[in-house]
Each structure stands twice: as C-alpha cells, then as structure tokens.
Amino acid sequence: MKTMAEEVRLRETVLPLVALLILLAGSAWVVTTFNIEPVIAGILVVETIAFVWLANWLRRRGILRKQDMPYFYVGIFAVLLLSWGLIASGIVPIVSAGGAVPMDKFFVYAITSAALLGLFILSVALGAVAIIAIRRKVI
C-alpha cells in the first residue's frame, strides 16, 4: 500500500517526466511534419522549458495560484508563437540551414541572436510576473 507521501512524490516526479516524454515525441512529429528548422525548434524547446520552470517557481512562491496556471500556459504558448514568427520573418536573426553565415562572423551573429532572443524572453517573462505580482499585491 502506498503512503500519501509516496503518492505525492510519484505525482510530482514521474508524471511530469511522462508528460514531457509525450510532448517531446509530439514535438518531434510536428518538426518533421511541418518542416520546422531544428535550430528554431531547439530555441522554442529551451524557451518552453524555461517558462515551465518559471511557472513552477512562481507557483511555489505563491505568486501564481493553481487556477492561474492555465492562463500562464496560454501566455507561454502565445510567446512561443510570437518568437517563432519573429524568427521566421527574420526580425530576430538566427543561424539556420536556409541562410549561410560566413564562419568568421558566426560568433558575432550567434551572440547577437542569443542576446536579442534572451532579452525578449526575459522582458516578456518579467512583465508577466510583475503584472501577476501587482495583481496579487505581493509587490
């Protein structure tokens, strides 16, 4: 017979990993089906992991409540779509198979791309956190 602590531990450790595995398999299918470049898919995966970690951290701190999580995840989805659109349109440049970058300029291009995308993600995440914290009167 499982104790309550074992059941909670199972729910908090194994089930998220199973869900992540299912999402990973689904993501691989989407990438291959819709011909999404692997670099863009990788950026979106890193963004998703960062936002999910941020959501869990905010929930543990009490800034987000359980009923706010679906709204936060819809916001994450919107930010991912916006990021994908900005990258696909060329506003946020990344190195991709479609566009060659000379190797002598690659490091500047990669650092600039990572910095711009990182600042964009950080500003959106901090804005969302600030709005939620002000609404909860935490700040």
C-alpha atoms as a PDB file:
ATOM      1  CA  MET A   1       0.000   0.000   0.000  1.00  0.00           C
ATOM      2  CA  LYS A   2       1.364   3.418  -0.968  1.00  0.00           C
ATOM      3  CA  THR A   3       1.560   6.165   1.575  1.00  0.00           C
ATOM      4  CA  MET A   4       0.374   9.679   0.830  1.00  0.00           C
ATOM      5  CA  ALA A   5       3.976  10.939   0.618  1.00  0.00           C
ATOM      6  CA  GLU A   6       4.858   8.271  -1.951  1.00  0.00           C
ATOM      7  CA  GLU A   7       1.800   9.142  -3.987  1.00  0.00           C
ATOM      8  CA  VAL A   8       2.639  12.859  -3.960  1.00  0.00           C
ATOM      9  CA  ARG A   9       6.248  12.103  -4.878  1.00  0.00           C
ATOM     10  CA  LEU A  10       5.054   9.966  -7.797  1.00  0.00           C
ATOM     11  CA  ARG A  11       2.751  12.735  -8.971  1.00  0.00           C
ATOM     12  CA  GLU A  12       5.476  15.372  -8.733  1.00  0.00           C
ATOM     13  CA  THR A  13       8.333  13.391 -10.280  1.00  0.00           C
ATOM     14  CA  VAL A  14       7.261  10.588 -12.583  1.00  0.00           C
ATOM     15  CA  LEU A  15       4.109  12.012 -14.137  1.00  0.00           C
ATOM     16  CA  PRO A  16       5.757  15.267 -15.335  1.00  0.00           C
ATOM     17  CA  LEU A  17       8.527  13.198 -16.937  1.00  0.00           C
ATOM     18  CA  VAL A  18       5.969  11.024 -18.726  1.00  0.00           C
ATOM     19  CA  ALA A  19       4.131  14.147 -19.901  1.00  0.00           C
ATOM     20  CA  LEU A  20       7.443  15.641 -21.070  1.00  0.00           C
ATOM     21  CA  LEU A  21       8.238  12.458 -23.000  1.00  0.00           C
ATOM     22  CA  ILE A  22       4.842  12.578 -24.721  1.00  0.00           C
ATOM     23  CA  LEU A  23       5.319  16.266 -25.551  1.00  0.00           C
ATOM     24  CA  LEU A  24       8.810  15.549 -26.877  1.00  0.00           C
ATOM     25  CA  ALA A  25       7.501  12.814 -29.164  1.00  0.00           C
ATOM     26  CA  GLY A  26       4.708  15.109 -30.344  1.00  0.00           C
ATOM     27  CA  SER A  27       7.167  17.930 -30.919  1.00  0.00           C
ATOM     28  CA  ALA A  28       9.440  15.700 -32.982  1.00  0.00           C
ATOM     29  CA  TRP A  29       6.444  14.742 -35.110  1.00  0.00           C
ATOM     30  CA  VAL A  30       5.464  18.410 -35.595  1.00  0.00           C
ATOM     31  CA  VAL A  31       9.032  19.408 -36.517  1.00  0.00           C
ATOM     32  CA  THR A  32       9.313  16.708 -39.161  1.00  0.00           C
ATOM     33  CA  THR A  33       5.771  17.108 -40.493  1.00  0.00           C
ATOM     34  CA  PHE A  34       5.808  20.883 -40.911  1.00  0.00           C
ATOM     35  CA  ASN A  35       9.493  21.202 -41.911  1.00  0.00           C
ATOM     36  CA  ILE A  36      10.414  23.421 -38.990  1.00  0.00           C
ATOM     37  CA  GLU A  37      14.134  24.056 -38.882  1.00  0.00           C
ATOM     38  CA  PRO A  38      15.797  22.225 -35.995  1.00  0.00           C
ATOM     39  CA  VAL A  39      17.504  25.391 -34.730  1.00  0.00           C
ATOM     40  CA  ILE A  40      14.164  27.168 -34.367  1.00  0.00           C
ATOM     41  CA  ALA A  41      12.656  24.092 -32.734  1.00  0.00           C
ATOM     42  CA  GLY A  42      15.557  23.970 -30.288  1.00  0.00           C
ATOM     43  CA  ILE A  43      15.116  27.623 -29.358  1.00  0.00           C
ATOM     44  CA  LEU A  44      11.406  27.068 -28.788  1.00  0.00           C
ATOM     45  CA  VAL A  45      12.104  23.992 -26.639  1.00  0.00           C
ATOM     46  CA  VAL A  46      14.556  25.919 -24.462  1.00  0.00           C
ATOM     47  CA  GLU A  47      12.004  28.728 -24.127  1.00  0.00           C
ATOM     48  CA  THR A  48       9.295  26.252 -23.161  1.00  0.00           C
ATOM     49  CA  ILE A  49      11.436  24.579 -20.512  1.00  0.00           C
ATOM     50  CA  ALA A  50      12.405  27.971 -19.066  1.00  0.00           C
ATOM     51  CA  PHE A  51       8.796  29.139 -18.922  1.00  0.00           C
ATOM     52  CA  VAL A  52       7.563  25.909 -17.332  1.00  0.00           C
ATOM     53  CA  TRP A  53      10.303  26.184 -14.709  1.00  0.00           C
ATOM     54  CA  LEU A  54       9.316  29.836 -14.147  1.00  0.00           C
ATOM     55  CA  ALA A  55       5.663  28.849 -13.749  1.00  0.00           C
ATOM     56  CA  ASN A  56       6.513  26.193 -11.166  1.00  0.00           C
ATOM     57  CA  TRP A  57       8.804  28.579  -9.306  1.00  0.00           C
ATOM     58  CA  LEU A  58       6.100  31.274  -9.225  1.00  0.00           C
ATOM     59  CA  ARG A  59       3.578  28.730  -8.011  1.00  0.00           C
ATOM     60  CA  ARG A  60       5.866  27.560  -5.197  1.00  0.00           C
ATOM     61  CA  ARG A  61       6.393  31.186  -4.151  1.00  0.00           C
ATOM     62  CA  GLY A  62       2.645  31.797  -4.026  1.00  0.00           C
ATOM     63  CA  ILE A  63       2.582  34.401  -6.790  1.00  0.00           C
ATOM     64  CA  LEU A  64       0.579  32.150  -9.104  1.00  0.00           C
ATOM     65  CA  ARG A  65      -2.339  30.143  -7.803  1.00  0.00           C
ATOM     66  CA  LYS A  66      -3.455  26.814  -9.175  1.00  0.00           C
ATOM     67  CA  GLN A  67      -6.347  28.369 -11.103  1.00  0.00           C
ATOM     68  CA  ASP A  68      -3.944  30.841 -12.790  1.00  0.00           C
ATOM     69  CA  MET A  69      -1.794  28.123 -14.341  1.00  0.00           C
ATOM     70  CA  PRO A  70      -3.922  27.584 -17.493  1.00  0.00           C
ATOM     71  CA  TYR A  71      -3.742  31.323 -18.241  1.00  0.00           C
ATOM     72  CA  PHE A  72       0.013  31.292 -17.713  1.00  0.00           C
ATOM     73  CA  TYR A  73       0.375  28.334 -20.084  1.00  0.00           C
ATOM     74  CA  VAL A  74      -1.756  30.102 -22.714  1.00  0.00           C
ATOM     75  CA  GLY A  75       0.596  33.067 -22.308  1.00  0.00           C
ATOM     76  CA  ILE A  76       3.590  30.768 -22.779  1.00  0.00           C
ATOM     77  CA  PHE A  77       2.024  29.424 -25.969  1.00  0.00           C
ATOM     78  CA  ALA A  78       1.449  32.982 -27.235  1.00  0.00           C
ATOM     79  CA  VAL A  79       5.061  33.949 -26.515  1.00  0.00           C
ATOM     80  CA  LEU A  80       6.301  30.827 -28.307  1.00  0.00           C
ATOM     81  CA  LEU A  81       4.190  31.636 -31.359  1.00  0.00           C
ATOM     82  CA  LEU A  82       5.424  35.227 -31.298  1.00  0.00           C
ATOM     83  CA  SER A  83       9.038  34.058 -31.025  1.00  0.00           C
ATOM     84  CA  TRP A  84       8.549  31.624 -33.879  1.00  0.00           C
ATOM     85  CA  GLY A  85       7.005  34.366 -36.012  1.00  0.00           C
ATOM     86  CA  LEU A  86       9.790  36.836 -35.236  1.00  0.00           C
ATOM     87  CA  ILE A  87      12.446  34.271 -36.095  1.00  0.00           C
ATOM     88  CA  ALA A  88      10.672  33.052 -39.235  1.00  0.00           C
ATOM     89  CA  SER A  89      10.169  36.614 -40.503  1.00  0.00           C
ATOM     90  CA  GLY A  90      13.817  37.489 -39.938  1.00  0.00           C
ATOM     91  CA  ILE A  91      13.247  40.186 -37.317  1.00  0.00           C
ATOM     92  CA  VAL A  92      15.165  38.096 -34.781  1.00  0.00           C
ATOM     93  CA  PRO A  93      18.038  36.628 -36.795  1.00  0.00           C
ATOM     94  CA  ILE A  94      19.354  33.154 -36.106  1.00  0.00           C
ATOM     95  CA  VAL A  95      21.729  30.907 -37.937  1.00  0.00           C
ATOM     96  CA  SER A  96      19.681  28.438 -39.921  1.00  0.00           C
ATOM     97  CA  ALA A  97      20.077  25.973 -42.741  1.00  0.00           C
ATOM     98  CA  GLY A  98      18.295  28.401 -45.070  1.00  0.00           C
ATOM     99  CA  GLY A  99      20.766  31.256 -44.640  1.00  0.00           C
ATOM    100  CA  ALA A 100      24.519  30.802 -44.629  1.00  0.00           C
ATOM    101  CA  VAL A 101      26.683  32.955 -42.407  1.00  0.00           C
ATOM    102  CA  PRO A 102      30.447  33.188 -43.004  1.00  0.00           C
ATOM    103  CA  MET A 103      32.334  31.396 -40.240  1.00  0.00           C
ATOM    104  CA  ASP A 104      34.452  34.448 -39.423  1.00  0.00           C
ATOM    105  CA  LYS A 105      31.265  36.320 -38.486  1.00  0.00           C
ATOM    106  CA  PHE A 106      29.461  33.343 -36.946  1.00  0.00           C
ATOM    107  CA  PHE A 107      30.337  34.103 -33.314  1.00  0.00           C
ATOM    108  CA  VAL A 108      29.085  37.701 -33.574  1.00  0.00           C
ATOM    109  CA  TYR A 109      25.902  36.519 -35.255  1.00  0.00           C
ATOM    110  CA  ALA A 110      25.308  33.767 -32.681  1.00  0.00           C
ATOM    111  CA  ILE A 111      25.964  36.025 -29.685  1.00  0.00           C
ATOM    112  CA  THR A 112      23.726  38.773 -31.078  1.00  0.00           C
ATOM    113  CA  SER A 113      20.948  36.296 -31.829  1.00  0.00           C
ATOM    114  CA  ALA A 114      21.115  34.718 -28.395  1.00  0.00           C
ATOM    115  CA  ALA A 115      21.263  38.096 -26.650  1.00  0.00           C
ATOM    116  CA  LEU A 116      18.294  39.541 -28.553  1.00  0.00           C
ATOM    117  CA  LEU A 117      16.171  36.464 -28.043  1.00  0.00           C
ATOM    118  CA  GLY A 118      17.171  36.199 -24.389  1.00  0.00           C
ATOM    119  CA  LEU A 119      16.320  39.845 -23.716  1.00  0.00           C
ATOM    120  CA  PHE A 120      12.977  39.448 -25.444  1.00  0.00           C
ATOM    121  CA  ILE A 121      12.092  36.351 -23.431  1.00  0.00           C
ATOM    122  CA  LEU A 122      13.281  37.916 -20.189  1.00  0.00           C
ATOM    123  CA  SER A 123      11.292  41.111 -20.734  1.00  0.00           C
ATOM    124  CA  VAL A 124       8.089  39.219 -21.518  1.00  0.00           C
ATOM    125  CA  ALA A 125       8.528  36.907 -18.533  1.00  0.00           C
ATOM    126  CA  LEU A 126       9.334  39.735 -16.125  1.00  0.00           C
ATOM    127  CA  GLY A 127       6.385  41.750 -17.405  1.00  0.00           C
ATOM    128  CA  ALA A 128       4.053  38.824 -16.789  1.00  0.00           C
ATOM    129  CA  VAL A 129       5.492  38.259 -13.329  1.00  0.00           C
ATOM    130  CA  ALA A 130       5.163  41.943 -12.459  1.00  0.00           C
ATOM    131  CA  ILE A 131       1.542  42.091 -13.600  1.00  0.00           C
ATOM    132  CA  ILE A 132       0.647  38.985 -11.620  1.00  0.00           C
ATOM    133  CA  ALA A 133       2.557  40.142  -8.542  1.00  0.00           C
ATOM    134  CA  ILE A 134       0.890  43.555  -8.599  1.00  0.00           C
ATOM    135  CA  ARG A 135      -2.499  41.914  -9.008  1.00  0.00           C
ATOM    136  CA  ARG A 136      -1.804  39.679  -6.012  1.00  0.00           C
ATOM    137  CA  LYS A 137      -0.463  42.656  -4.037  1.00  0.00           C
ATOM    138  CA  VAL A 138       2.812  40.813  -3.464  1.00  0.00           C
ATOM    139  CA  ILE A 139       4.813  43.861  -4.541  1.00  0.00           C
END
